[in-house]
Amino acid sequence: MLQAYFQKELVEAGCDEAGRGCLAGPVFAAAVILPKDFFHPLLNDSKQLTEVQRYQLRPFIEQHAIAHAVAQLCNEEIDRLNILKASFKSMHLAVKALPVPPQLLLIDGNRFTPCEGIPHQCIVGGDGRYMSIAAASILAKTYRDDHMKELHQQFPQYNWAKNKGYATKDHQAALNQFGPSRFHRKSFRLDYSQPTLFTAPTVVQHPVADAGVV
């Protein structure tokens, strides 16, 4: 069962991203501040929900949250910064867009770059442990999916309406046949013409701040 909050004293915002491992499109992030008594029986990590459940939860979260915000960073920024830094920056943008300033950030994952002096707590698997992070994961995921469906209209050959830009077999085959589009991430592996033991994109990561409260 998801926990309602990490602590009681501070205003905390759950933060999560979507699209970090995709070959194309932006990375999205969301920040959500929930009331301490928030509850919905379906709320869970977005990856554990069906698409119908995610879209059912989104308006409920937005209606009952104290504050919420969604931000994105395009593929060109991802290539410039690297995907890890771009993910953190998109979270920073979402936090800054919150109409209510948070006093503590709950971050899904094991590392994070501090956001303008706001304390943060990194939580591995946080989207399956805390409501605010789960809510953020749902907003980030659904808004990114909507965006990829729009991009699909321009480039239907990649089937982004279904694969959302991930390195699925059909996406790999389309890259081999048509080459990359302007929305593909050039810092990721985009050539699948040769067999390999690994299908995940190759990304160069750089050191960031250690996990934990800072």
N, C-alpha and C. Protein backbone atom coordinates (compact mmCIF):
# COMPACT_ATOMS: atom_id res chain seq x y z
N MET A 1 0.85 -1.20 0.00
CA MET A 1 0.00 0.00 0.00
C MET A 1 0.88 1.25 0.00
N LEU A 2 0.53 2.21 -0.82
CA LEU A 2 1.31 3.44 -0.91
C LEU A 2 1.19 4.27 0.37
N GLN A 3 2.29 4.91 0.74
CA GLN A 3 2.27 5.80 1.89
C GLN A 3 1.85 7.20 1.46
N ALA A 4 1.11 7.88 2.33
CA ALA A 4 0.57 9.20 1.98
C ALA A 4 1.65 10.28 2.00
N TYR A 5 2.68 10.11 2.83
CA TYR A 5 3.71 11.14 2.93
C TYR A 5 4.97 10.54 3.54
N PHE A 6 6.08 11.23 3.33
CA PHE A 6 7.37 10.82 3.89
C PHE A 6 7.53 11.33 5.31
N GLN A 7 7.03 12.54 5.55
CA GLN A 7 7.03 13.15 6.87
C GLN A 7 5.85 14.12 6.95
N LYS A 8 5.50 14.58 8.14
CA LYS A 8 4.28 15.37 8.33
C LYS A 8 4.51 16.87 8.35
N GLU A 9 5.71 17.32 8.69
CA GLU A 9 5.91 18.74 8.99
C GLU A 9 6.05 19.61 7.74
N LEU A 10 6.72 19.13 6.72
CA LEU A 10 7.04 19.95 5.55
C LEU A 10 6.09 19.68 4.39
N VAL A 11 5.94 20.69 3.53
CA VAL A 11 5.17 20.53 2.29
C VAL A 11 6.07 19.79 1.30
N GLU A 12 5.68 18.57 0.96
CA GLU A 12 6.53 17.76 0.09
C GLU A 12 5.89 17.54 -1.28
N ALA A 13 6.75 17.55 -2.30
CA ALA A 13 6.32 17.32 -3.67
C ALA A 13 6.98 16.06 -4.20
N GLY A 14 6.18 15.17 -4.74
CA GLY A 14 6.71 13.99 -5.40
C GLY A 14 7.12 14.34 -6.82
N CYS A 15 8.27 13.81 -7.26
CA CYS A 15 8.78 14.11 -8.60
C CYS A 15 9.15 12.82 -9.32
N ASP A 16 8.80 12.76 -10.59
CA ASP A 16 9.19 11.62 -11.40
C ASP A 16 9.27 12.04 -12.85
N GLU A 17 9.94 11.22 -13.67
CA GLU A 17 10.09 11.51 -15.10
C GLU A 17 9.52 10.37 -15.92
N ALA A 18 9.36 10.64 -17.21
CA ALA A 18 8.92 9.62 -18.16
C ALA A 18 9.66 9.82 -19.47
N GLY A 19 10.06 8.71 -20.08
CA GLY A 19 10.71 8.78 -21.39
C GLY A 19 12.21 8.83 -21.35
N ARG A 20 12.79 8.51 -20.22
CA ARG A 20 14.24 8.57 -20.09
C ARG A 20 14.94 7.58 -21.03
N GLY A 21 14.39 6.40 -21.21
CA GLY A 21 15.02 5.38 -22.03
C GLY A 21 14.60 5.35 -23.48
N CYS A 22 13.81 6.32 -23.91
CA CYS A 22 13.30 6.33 -25.28
C CYS A 22 14.37 6.76 -26.28
N LEU A 23 14.20 6.34 -27.51
CA LEU A 23 15.10 6.73 -28.59
C LEU A 23 14.71 8.05 -29.22
N ALA A 24 13.47 8.46 -29.01
CA ALA A 24 12.96 9.67 -29.67
C ALA A 24 12.05 10.44 -28.73
N GLY A 25 11.91 11.73 -29.04
CA GLY A 25 11.00 12.58 -28.29
C GLY A 25 11.62 13.14 -27.02
N PRO A 26 10.88 14.00 -26.35
CA PRO A 26 11.39 14.65 -25.14
C PRO A 26 11.32 13.74 -23.92
N VAL A 27 11.98 14.16 -22.86
CA VAL A 27 11.76 13.57 -21.55
C VAL A 27 10.80 14.50 -20.81
N PHE A 28 9.81 13.93 -20.17
CA PHE A 28 8.82 14.69 -19.40
C PHE A 28 9.06 14.45 -17.91
N ALA A 29 8.71 15.42 -17.11
CA ALA A 29 8.76 15.27 -15.66
C ALA A 29 7.56 15.96 -15.04
N ALA A 30 7.16 15.47 -13.89
CA ALA A 30 6.04 16.08 -13.17
C ALA A 30 6.39 16.22 -11.70
N ALA A 31 5.82 17.22 -11.07
CA ALA A 31 5.94 17.43 -9.63
C ALA A 31 4.52 17.60 -9.08
N VAL A 32 4.23 16.91 -7.99
CA VAL A 32 2.86 16.91 -7.44
C VAL A 32 2.91 17.06 -5.92
N ILE A 33 2.12 17.99 -5.43
CA ILE A 33 1.91 18.14 -3.98
C ILE A 33 0.49 17.67 -3.68
N LEU A 34 0.37 16.65 -2.86
CA LEU A 34 -0.94 16.09 -2.51
C LEU A 34 -1.31 16.44 -1.08
N PRO A 35 -2.60 16.56 -0.79
CA PRO A 35 -3.02 16.71 0.61
C PRO A 35 -2.71 15.43 1.37
N LYS A 36 -2.52 15.54 2.68
CA LYS A 36 -2.15 14.39 3.49
C LYS A 36 -3.22 13.30 3.48
N ASP A 37 -4.47 13.69 3.21
CA ASP A 37 -5.56 12.71 3.23
C ASP A 37 -5.94 12.23 1.82
N PHE A 38 -5.09 12.49 0.85
CA PHE A 38 -5.40 12.07 -0.53
C PHE A 38 -5.50 10.55 -0.60
N PHE A 39 -6.48 10.09 -1.40
CA PHE A 39 -6.62 8.65 -1.60
C PHE A 39 -7.37 8.38 -2.90
N HIS A 40 -6.90 7.39 -3.62
CA HIS A 40 -7.63 6.80 -4.74
C HIS A 40 -7.23 5.33 -4.81
N PRO A 41 -8.20 4.43 -4.87
CA PRO A 41 -7.88 3.00 -4.80
C PRO A 41 -6.99 2.49 -5.93
N LEU A 42 -6.98 3.17 -7.06
CA LEU A 42 -6.17 2.71 -8.19
C LEU A 42 -4.75 3.28 -8.20
N LEU A 43 -4.50 4.30 -7.40
CA LEU A 43 -3.21 4.98 -7.47
C LEU A 43 -2.06 4.02 -7.22
N ASN A 44 -1.11 4.02 -8.15
CA ASN A 44 0.06 3.15 -8.06
C ASN A 44 1.11 3.68 -9.04
N ASP A 45 2.29 3.07 -9.02
CA ASP A 45 3.31 3.34 -10.01
C ASP A 45 2.68 3.24 -11.40
N SER A 46 2.92 4.22 -12.25
CA SER A 46 2.28 4.25 -13.57
C SER A 46 2.58 3.00 -14.39
N LYS A 47 3.74 2.38 -14.17
CA LYS A 47 4.11 1.19 -14.93
C LYS A 47 3.27 -0.02 -14.53
N GLN A 48 2.62 0.05 -13.36
CA GLN A 48 1.78 -1.05 -12.90
C GLN A 48 0.32 -0.87 -13.30
N LEU A 49 0.02 0.21 -13.98
CA LEU A 49 -1.36 0.52 -14.36
C LEU A 49 -1.56 0.33 -15.85
N THR A 50 -2.80 0.10 -16.24
CA THR A 50 -3.12 0.06 -17.66
C THR A 50 -3.23 1.49 -18.18
N GLU A 51 -3.20 1.64 -19.48
CA GLU A 51 -3.34 2.97 -20.07
C GLU A 51 -4.68 3.60 -19.67
N VAL A 52 -5.73 2.81 -19.66
CA VAL A 52 -7.05 3.32 -19.27
C VAL A 52 -7.02 3.82 -17.83
N GLN A 53 -6.39 3.08 -16.94
CA GLN A 53 -6.32 3.49 -15.54
C GLN A 53 -5.51 4.77 -15.36
N ARG A 54 -4.42 4.89 -16.11
CA ARG A 54 -3.62 6.12 -16.01
C ARG A 54 -4.42 7.35 -16.41
N TYR A 55 -5.14 7.24 -17.51
CA TYR A 55 -5.92 8.39 -17.98
C TYR A 55 -7.15 8.63 -17.10
N GLN A 56 -7.61 7.60 -16.42
CA GLN A 56 -8.69 7.78 -15.47
C GLN A 56 -8.20 8.54 -14.23
N LEU A 57 -6.97 8.26 -13.83
CA LEU A 57 -6.41 8.88 -12.63
C LEU A 57 -5.97 10.32 -12.86
N ARG A 58 -5.53 10.65 -14.07
CA ARG A 58 -4.95 11.97 -14.30
C ARG A 58 -5.88 13.11 -13.90
N PRO A 59 -7.12 13.17 -14.35
CA PRO A 59 -7.97 14.30 -13.93
C PRO A 59 -8.27 14.29 -12.44
N PHE A 60 -8.33 13.12 -11.83
CA PHE A 60 -8.58 13.04 -10.39
C PHE A 60 -7.39 13.65 -9.63
N ILE A 61 -6.19 13.30 -10.06
CA ILE A 61 -4.98 13.85 -9.43
C ILE A 61 -4.96 15.36 -9.59
N GLU A 62 -5.20 15.84 -10.80
CA GLU A 62 -5.13 17.28 -11.06
C GLU A 62 -6.21 18.04 -10.30
N GLN A 63 -7.35 17.43 -10.11
CA GLN A 63 -8.45 18.10 -9.41
C GLN A 63 -8.20 18.16 -7.91
N HIS A 64 -7.59 17.12 -7.33
CA HIS A 64 -7.47 17.03 -5.88
C HIS A 64 -6.09 17.38 -5.35
N ALA A 65 -5.11 17.54 -6.21
CA ALA A 65 -3.77 17.92 -5.76
C ALA A 65 -3.76 19.35 -5.25
N ILE A 66 -2.90 19.64 -4.29
CA ILE A 66 -2.70 21.01 -3.86
C ILE A 66 -2.03 21.81 -4.97
N ALA A 67 -1.09 21.15 -5.65
CA ALA A 67 -0.40 21.78 -6.78
C ALA A 67 0.20 20.68 -7.64
N HIS A 68 0.29 20.95 -8.92
CA HIS A 68 0.94 20.01 -9.84
C HIS A 68 1.49 20.79 -11.03
N ALA A 69 2.53 20.25 -11.63
CA ALA A 69 3.13 20.87 -12.81
C ALA A 69 3.84 19.80 -13.62
N VAL A 70 3.87 20.03 -14.93
CA VAL A 70 4.54 19.11 -15.86
C VAL A 70 5.48 19.92 -16.74
N ALA A 71 6.66 19.37 -17.00
CA ALA A 71 7.65 20.05 -17.84
C ALA A 71 8.29 19.03 -18.77
N GLN A 72 8.96 19.53 -19.79
CA GLN A 72 9.62 18.64 -20.73
C GLN A 72 10.91 19.27 -21.23
N LEU A 73 11.82 18.41 -21.70
CA LEU A 73 13.04 18.84 -22.36
C LEU A 73 13.16 18.06 -23.67
N CYS A 74 13.40 18.79 -24.76
CA CYS A 74 13.37 18.19 -26.09
C CYS A 74 14.58 17.30 -26.34
N ASN A 75 14.53 16.56 -27.44
CA ASN A 75 15.63 15.65 -27.78
C ASN A 75 16.94 16.38 -28.02
N GLU A 76 16.89 17.60 -28.53
CA GLU A 76 18.12 18.35 -28.76
C GLU A 76 18.80 18.72 -27.44
N GLU A 77 17.99 19.08 -26.44
CA GLU A 77 18.54 19.36 -25.12
C GLU A 77 19.08 18.09 -24.47
N ILE A 78 18.40 16.98 -24.69
CA ILE A 78 18.89 15.70 -24.18
C ILE A 78 20.26 15.38 -24.76
N ASP A 79 20.42 15.60 -26.05
CA ASP A 79 21.71 15.34 -26.69
C ASP A 79 22.79 16.29 -26.18
N ARG A 80 22.40 17.51 -25.88
CA ARG A 80 23.37 18.51 -25.41
C ARG A 80 23.81 18.23 -23.98
N LEU A 81 22.87 17.85 -23.12
CA LEU A 81 23.17 17.71 -21.70
C LEU A 81 23.57 16.29 -21.31
N ASN A 82 23.02 15.32 -21.92
CA ASN A 82 22.94 13.87 -21.67
C ASN A 82 21.60 13.60 -20.96
N ILE A 83 21.11 12.39 -21.07
CA ILE A 83 19.75 12.09 -20.63
C ILE A 83 19.59 12.20 -19.11
N LEU A 84 20.64 11.86 -18.36
CA LEU A 84 20.51 11.96 -16.90
C LEU A 84 20.33 13.41 -16.46
N LYS A 85 21.21 14.27 -16.96
CA LYS A 85 21.11 15.69 -16.60
C LYS A 85 19.81 16.30 -17.12
N ALA A 86 19.38 15.87 -18.31
CA ALA A 86 18.13 16.38 -18.88
C ALA A 86 16.93 15.95 -18.03
N SER A 87 16.97 14.72 -17.51
CA SER A 87 15.89 14.26 -16.64
C SER A 87 15.80 15.12 -15.38
N PHE A 88 16.97 15.40 -14.79
CA PHE A 88 16.98 16.23 -13.59
C PHE A 88 16.51 17.65 -13.89
N LYS A 89 16.96 18.19 -15.03
CA LYS A 89 16.56 19.55 -15.37
C LYS A 89 15.06 19.64 -15.61
N SER A 90 14.48 18.63 -16.24
CA SER A 90 13.03 18.65 -16.46
C SER A 90 12.29 18.60 -15.13
N MET A 91 12.82 17.85 -14.15
CA MET A 91 12.21 17.86 -12.82
C MET A 91 12.34 19.24 -12.18
N HIS A 92 13.50 19.87 -12.33
CA HIS A 92 13.69 21.22 -11.80
C HIS A 92 12.65 22.18 -12.39
N LEU A 93 12.42 22.07 -13.70
CA LEU A 93 11.45 22.96 -14.35
C LEU A 93 10.04 22.71 -13.82
N ALA A 94 9.70 21.44 -13.59
CA ALA A 94 8.38 21.14 -13.05
C ALA A 94 8.23 21.69 -11.64
N VAL A 95 9.26 21.54 -10.82
CA VAL A 95 9.21 22.05 -9.45
C VAL A 95 9.06 23.57 -9.45
N LYS A 96 9.81 24.25 -10.31
CA LYS A 96 9.73 25.71 -10.38
C LYS A 96 8.36 26.20 -10.85
N ALA A 97 7.66 25.35 -11.60
CA ALA A 97 6.35 25.73 -12.12
C ALA A 97 5.22 25.51 -11.11
N LEU A 98 5.51 24.87 -10.00
CA LEU A 98 4.48 24.64 -8.98
C LEU A 98 4.00 25.98 -8.40
N PRO A 99 2.70 26.20 -8.33
CA PRO A 99 2.20 27.46 -7.75
C PRO A 99 2.37 27.53 -6.23
N VAL A 100 2.59 26.37 -5.61
CA VAL A 100 2.86 26.32 -4.17
C VAL A 100 4.29 25.82 -3.98
N PRO A 101 5.15 26.58 -3.33
CA PRO A 101 6.55 26.14 -3.18
C PRO A 101 6.68 24.97 -2.23
N PRO A 102 7.32 23.90 -2.65
CA PRO A 102 7.52 22.76 -1.76
C PRO A 102 8.70 22.99 -0.82
N GLN A 103 8.68 22.31 0.31
CA GLN A 103 9.77 22.39 1.29
C GLN A 103 10.64 21.14 1.30
N LEU A 104 10.17 20.10 0.61
CA LEU A 104 10.92 18.85 0.49
C LEU A 104 10.51 18.17 -0.80
N LEU A 105 11.48 17.65 -1.55
CA LEU A 105 11.21 16.93 -2.78
C LEU A 105 11.44 15.45 -2.57
N LEU A 106 10.48 14.65 -2.98
CA LEU A 106 10.63 13.20 -2.98
C LEU A 106 10.94 12.77 -4.41
N ILE A 107 12.13 12.25 -4.62
CA ILE A 107 12.61 11.93 -5.97
C ILE A 107 12.61 10.43 -6.19
N ASP A 108 11.99 10.00 -7.28
CA ASP A 108 12.03 8.59 -7.63
C ASP A 108 13.41 8.27 -8.20
N GLY A 109 14.16 7.40 -7.54
CA GLY A 109 15.48 7.05 -8.03
C GLY A 109 16.53 7.15 -6.94
N ASN A 110 17.80 6.95 -7.34
CA ASN A 110 18.88 6.91 -6.35
C ASN A 110 19.81 8.11 -6.41
N ARG A 111 19.51 9.10 -7.28
CA ARG A 111 20.37 10.28 -7.36
C ARG A 111 19.59 11.45 -7.92
N PHE A 112 20.09 12.63 -7.64
CA PHE A 112 19.41 13.84 -8.07
C PHE A 112 20.35 15.03 -7.91
N THR A 113 20.21 16.01 -8.78
CA THR A 113 20.93 17.27 -8.63
C THR A 113 20.06 18.23 -7.82
N PRO A 114 20.56 18.78 -6.72
CA PRO A 114 19.74 19.65 -5.86
C PRO A 114 19.07 20.77 -6.65
N CYS A 115 17.87 21.11 -6.23
CA CYS A 115 17.05 22.10 -6.92
C CYS A 115 16.95 23.37 -6.08
N GLU A 116 17.84 24.31 -6.33
CA GLU A 116 17.80 25.64 -5.72
C GLU A 116 17.59 25.61 -4.21
N GLY A 117 18.34 24.76 -3.55
CA GLY A 117 18.32 24.76 -2.10
C GLY A 117 17.16 24.03 -1.45
N ILE A 118 16.25 23.45 -2.23
CA ILE A 118 15.15 22.69 -1.64
C ILE A 118 15.67 21.31 -1.24
N PRO A 119 15.54 20.91 0.01
CA PRO A 119 15.99 19.57 0.41
C PRO A 119 15.28 18.50 -0.40
N HIS A 120 15.97 17.40 -0.63
CA HIS A 120 15.33 16.30 -1.36
C HIS A 120 15.69 14.96 -0.75
N GLN A 121 14.84 14.00 -0.98
CA GLN A 121 15.06 12.63 -0.54
C GLN A 121 14.92 11.73 -1.76
N CYS A 122 15.99 11.01 -2.12
CA CYS A 122 15.93 10.05 -3.22
C CYS A 122 15.40 8.72 -2.69
N ILE A 123 14.46 8.14 -3.41
CA ILE A 123 13.82 6.90 -2.96
C ILE A 123 13.76 5.94 -4.14
N VAL A 124 14.53 4.88 -4.07
CA VAL A 124 14.50 3.86 -5.13
C VAL A 124 13.15 3.17 -5.11
N GLY A 125 12.52 3.12 -6.29
CA GLY A 125 11.17 2.55 -6.35
C GLY A 125 10.14 3.43 -5.69
N GLY A 126 10.42 4.72 -5.62
CA GLY A 126 9.53 5.63 -4.91
C GLY A 126 8.14 5.72 -5.50
N ASP A 127 8.02 5.51 -6.82
CA ASP A 127 6.69 5.58 -7.44
C ASP A 127 5.81 4.42 -7.02
N GLY A 128 6.38 3.41 -6.40
CA GLY A 128 5.59 2.31 -5.85
C GLY A 128 5.50 2.35 -4.34
N ARG A 129 5.97 3.48 -3.75
CA ARG A 129 5.99 3.59 -2.28
C ARG A 129 5.24 4.81 -1.76
N TYR A 130 5.27 5.92 -2.51
CA TYR A 130 4.66 7.16 -2.02
C TYR A 130 3.65 7.71 -3.04
N MET A 131 2.53 8.18 -2.53
CA MET A 131 1.44 8.63 -3.38
C MET A 131 1.85 9.79 -4.29
N SER A 132 2.58 10.75 -3.74
CA SER A 132 2.91 11.93 -4.54
C SER A 132 3.83 11.57 -5.70
N ILE A 133 4.75 10.63 -5.49
CA ILE A 133 5.63 10.22 -6.58
C ILE A 133 4.84 9.42 -7.60
N ALA A 134 3.96 8.54 -7.13
CA ALA A 134 3.11 7.78 -8.05
C ALA A 134 2.25 8.72 -8.89
N ALA A 135 1.70 9.75 -8.27
CA ALA A 135 0.89 10.73 -9.00
C ALA A 135 1.73 11.45 -10.04
N ALA A 136 2.96 11.81 -9.67
CA ALA A 136 3.84 12.47 -10.63
C ALA A 136 4.18 11.55 -11.79
N SER A 137 4.38 10.27 -11.50
CA SER A 137 4.71 9.33 -12.57
C SER A 137 3.56 9.22 -13.57
N ILE A 138 2.33 9.29 -13.07
CA ILE A 138 1.16 9.19 -13.95
C ILE A 138 1.03 10.43 -14.83
N LEU A 139 1.21 11.61 -14.24
CA LEU A 139 1.13 12.83 -15.04
C LEU A 139 2.22 12.87 -16.10
N ALA A 140 3.45 12.57 -15.70
CA ALA A 140 4.55 12.60 -16.66
C ALA A 140 4.32 11.60 -17.79
N LYS A 141 3.90 10.41 -17.45
CA LYS A 141 3.69 9.36 -18.44
C LYS A 141 2.56 9.71 -19.40
N THR A 142 1.42 10.14 -18.90
CA THR A 142 0.28 10.38 -19.78
C THR A 142 0.49 11.60 -20.68
N TYR A 143 1.11 12.65 -20.14
CA TYR A 143 1.35 13.82 -20.99
C TYR A 143 2.43 13.53 -22.03
N ARG A 144 3.39 12.71 -21.69
CA ARG A 144 4.38 12.35 -22.70
C ARG A 144 3.75 11.45 -23.77
N ASP A 145 2.92 10.52 -23.35
CA ASP A 145 2.23 9.66 -24.32
C ASP A 145 1.39 10.49 -25.29
N ASP A 146 0.70 11.49 -24.76
CA ASP A 146 -0.09 12.38 -25.63
C ASP A 146 0.81 13.07 -26.66
N HIS A 147 1.96 13.51 -26.19
CA HIS A 147 2.90 14.21 -27.08
C HIS A 147 3.41 13.27 -28.17
N MET A 148 3.74 12.05 -27.81
CA MET A 148 4.24 11.10 -28.80
C MET A 148 3.17 10.71 -29.80
N LYS A 149 1.93 10.68 -29.39
CA LYS A 149 0.83 10.41 -30.32
C LYS A 149 0.70 11.55 -31.33
N GLU A 150 0.95 12.77 -30.88
CA GLU A 150 0.92 13.91 -31.81
C GLU A 150 2.07 13.82 -32.81
N LEU A 151 3.27 13.47 -32.32
CA LEU A 151 4.41 13.32 -33.22
C LEU A 151 4.21 12.17 -34.21
N HIS A 152 3.47 11.18 -33.79
CA HIS A 152 3.17 10.05 -34.67
C HIS A 152 2.45 10.50 -35.94
N GLN A 153 1.63 11.53 -35.82
CA GLN A 153 0.91 12.04 -36.99
C GLN A 153 1.87 12.55 -38.06
N GLN A 154 3.03 13.07 -37.65
CA GLN A 154 4.03 13.56 -38.59
C GLN A 154 4.93 12.44 -39.11
N PHE A 155 5.18 11.45 -38.27
CA PHE A 155 6.10 10.37 -38.63
C PHE A 155 5.48 9.01 -38.28
N PRO A 156 4.42 8.62 -38.98
CA PRO A 156 3.73 7.37 -38.63
C PRO A 156 4.57 6.12 -38.85
N GLN A 157 5.64 6.23 -39.65
CA GLN A 157 6.44 5.05 -39.95
C GLN A 157 7.14 4.47 -38.72
N TYR A 158 7.31 5.28 -37.67
CA TYR A 158 7.99 4.79 -36.47
C TYR A 158 7.03 4.19 -35.44
N ASN A 159 5.74 4.33 -35.67
CA ASN A 159 4.71 3.76 -34.80
C ASN A 159 4.79 4.29 -33.37
N TRP A 160 5.08 5.58 -33.23
CA TRP A 160 5.21 6.17 -31.90
C TRP A 160 3.89 6.17 -31.12
N ALA A 161 2.78 6.11 -31.81
CA ALA A 161 1.49 6.06 -31.11
C ALA A 161 1.41 4.83 -30.23
N LYS A 162 2.13 3.78 -30.63
CA LYS A 162 2.11 2.53 -29.86
C LYS A 162 3.36 2.39 -28.99
N ASN A 163 4.55 2.57 -29.58
CA ASN A 163 5.78 2.30 -28.82
C ASN A 163 6.28 3.49 -28.03
N LYS A 164 5.71 4.67 -28.27
CA LYS A 164 6.03 5.90 -27.53
C LYS A 164 7.50 6.30 -27.62
N GLY A 165 8.22 5.77 -28.62
CA GLY A 165 9.61 6.13 -28.80
C GLY A 165 10.60 5.16 -28.19
N TYR A 166 10.12 4.13 -27.51
CA TYR A 166 11.02 3.14 -26.92
C TYR A 166 11.62 2.25 -28.01
N ALA A 167 12.69 1.54 -27.65
CA ALA A 167 13.44 0.75 -28.62
C ALA A 167 12.80 -0.61 -28.86
N THR A 168 11.54 -0.60 -29.27
CA THR A 168 10.84 -1.83 -29.59
C THR A 168 11.33 -2.36 -30.94
N LYS A 169 10.99 -3.60 -31.24
CA LYS A 169 11.42 -4.22 -32.50
C LYS A 169 10.92 -3.45 -33.71
N ASP A 170 9.67 -2.99 -33.64
CA ASP A 170 9.13 -2.25 -34.79
C ASP A 170 9.82 -0.90 -34.96
N HIS A 171 10.17 -0.27 -33.84
CA HIS A 171 10.88 1.01 -33.91
C HIS A 171 12.29 0.80 -34.47
N GLN A 172 12.97 -0.24 -34.02
CA GLN A 172 14.29 -0.55 -34.55
C GLN A 172 14.24 -0.82 -36.05
N ALA A 173 13.24 -1.59 -36.47
CA ALA A 173 13.10 -1.92 -37.89
C ALA A 173 12.85 -0.66 -38.72
N ALA A 174 12.04 0.26 -38.18
CA ALA A 174 11.76 1.51 -38.90
C ALA A 174 13.01 2.37 -39.00
N LEU A 175 13.82 2.39 -37.95
CA LEU A 175 15.08 3.13 -38.00
C LEU A 175 16.01 2.56 -39.07
N ASN A 176 16.05 1.23 -39.16
CA ASN A 176 16.89 0.60 -40.18
C ASN A 176 16.40 0.93 -41.59
N GLN A 177 15.08 1.04 -41.74
CA GLN A 177 14.51 1.28 -43.06
C GLN A 177 14.51 2.76 -43.45
N PHE A 178 14.14 3.63 -42.52
CA PHE A 178 13.95 5.04 -42.85
C PHE A 178 15.04 5.97 -42.28
N GLY A 179 15.84 5.46 -41.38
CA GLY A 179 16.79 6.33 -40.71
C GLY A 179 16.11 7.17 -39.64
N PRO A 180 16.88 7.93 -38.86
CA PRO A 180 16.30 8.73 -37.78
C PRO A 180 15.59 9.99 -38.29
N SER A 181 14.63 10.45 -37.51
CA SER A 181 13.93 11.71 -37.77
C SER A 181 14.60 12.82 -36.97
N ARG A 182 14.08 14.02 -37.09
CA ARG A 182 14.65 15.14 -36.34
C ARG A 182 14.29 15.06 -34.85
N PHE A 183 13.38 14.16 -34.50
CA PHE A 183 13.01 14.02 -33.10
C PHE A 183 13.76 12.89 -32.40
N HIS A 184 14.61 12.18 -33.13
CA HIS A 184 15.39 11.12 -32.51
C HIS A 184 16.58 11.72 -31.74
N ARG A 185 17.01 11.00 -30.71
CA ARG A 185 18.11 11.43 -29.87
C ARG A 185 19.42 10.90 -30.46
N LYS A 186 20.21 11.79 -30.96
CA LYS A 186 21.45 11.41 -31.65
C LYS A 186 22.49 10.82 -30.70
N SER A 187 22.37 11.10 -29.41
CA SER A 187 23.30 10.55 -28.43
C SER A 187 22.95 9.12 -28.03
N PHE A 188 21.84 8.61 -28.55
CA PHE A 188 21.42 7.25 -28.29
C PHE A 188 21.77 6.36 -29.48
N ARG A 189 21.78 5.08 -29.27
CA ARG A 189 22.00 4.15 -30.37
C ARG A 189 20.79 4.14 -31.28
N LEU A 190 20.99 4.46 -32.55
CA LEU A 190 19.91 4.50 -33.53
C LEU A 190 20.13 3.56 -34.70
N ASP A 191 21.26 2.89 -34.75
CA ASP A 191 21.55 1.95 -35.83
C ASP A 191 21.39 0.53 -35.31
N TYR A 192 20.37 -0.15 -35.80
CA TYR A 192 20.10 -1.52 -35.38
C TYR A 192 20.28 -2.51 -36.53
N SER A 193 21.12 -2.13 -37.50
CA SER A 193 21.33 -3.00 -38.66
C SER A 193 22.21 -4.19 -38.33
N GLN A 194 23.01 -4.09 -37.25
CA GLN A 194 23.87 -5.19 -36.84
C GLN A 194 23.33 -5.81 -35.56
N PRO A 195 23.33 -7.15 -35.47
CA PRO A 195 22.84 -7.81 -34.25
C PRO A 195 23.73 -7.50 -33.06
N THR A 196 23.13 -7.47 -31.90
CA THR A 196 23.87 -7.19 -30.67
C THR A 196 23.20 -7.90 -29.52
N LEU A 197 23.95 -8.10 -28.46
CA LEU A 197 23.39 -8.74 -27.27
C LEU A 197 22.52 -7.79 -26.48
N PHE A 198 22.69 -6.48 -26.73
CA PHE A 198 21.98 -5.47 -25.95
C PHE A 198 21.08 -4.66 -26.86
N THR A 199 19.87 -4.38 -26.38
CA THR A 199 18.94 -3.58 -27.16
C THR A 199 18.71 -2.20 -26.56
N ALA A 200 19.22 -1.99 -25.34
CA ALA A 200 19.01 -0.68 -24.69
C ALA A 200 19.90 0.36 -25.35
N PRO A 201 19.45 1.62 -25.40
CA PRO A 201 20.28 2.69 -25.97
C PRO A 201 21.54 2.91 -25.16
N THR A 202 22.61 3.23 -25.85
CA THR A 202 23.88 3.51 -25.19
C THR A 202 23.95 4.99 -24.85
N VAL A 203 24.08 5.30 -23.58
CA VAL A 203 24.10 6.68 -23.12
C VAL A 203 25.30 6.88 -22.21
N VAL A 204 26.03 7.95 -22.42
CA VAL A 204 27.16 8.29 -21.56
C VAL A 204 26.65 9.09 -20.38
N GLN A 205 26.87 8.59 -19.17
CA GLN A 205 26.41 9.27 -17.97
C GLN A 205 27.58 10.02 -17.33
N HIS A 206 27.28 11.07 -16.59
CA HIS A 206 28.29 11.85 -15.89
C HIS A 206 27.96 11.88 -14.41
N PRO A 207 28.95 12.04 -13.55
CA PRO A 207 28.70 12.03 -12.10
C PRO A 207 27.75 13.15 -11.70
N VAL A 208 26.91 12.84 -10.75
CA VAL A 208 25.99 13.84 -10.17
C VAL A 208 26.03 13.70 -8.66
N ALA A 209 25.19 14.50 -8.00
CA ALA A 209 25.19 14.50 -6.55
C ALA A 209 24.76 13.14 -6.01
N ASP A 210 25.28 12.77 -4.84
CA ASP A 210 24.91 11.52 -4.22
C ASP A 210 23.46 11.55 -3.80
N ALA A 211 22.90 10.34 -3.60
CA ALA A 211 21.51 10.22 -3.18
C ALA A 211 21.40 10.61 -1.71
N GLY A 212 20.15 10.90 -1.32
CA GLY A 212 19.87 11.18 0.07
C GLY A 212 19.38 12.58 0.29
N VAL A 213 19.12 12.90 1.51
CA VAL A 213 18.68 14.24 1.88
C VAL A 213 19.88 15.16 1.84
N VAL A 214 19.75 16.30 1.14
CA VAL A 214 20.82 17.28 1.09
C VAL A 214 20.28 18.66 1.39
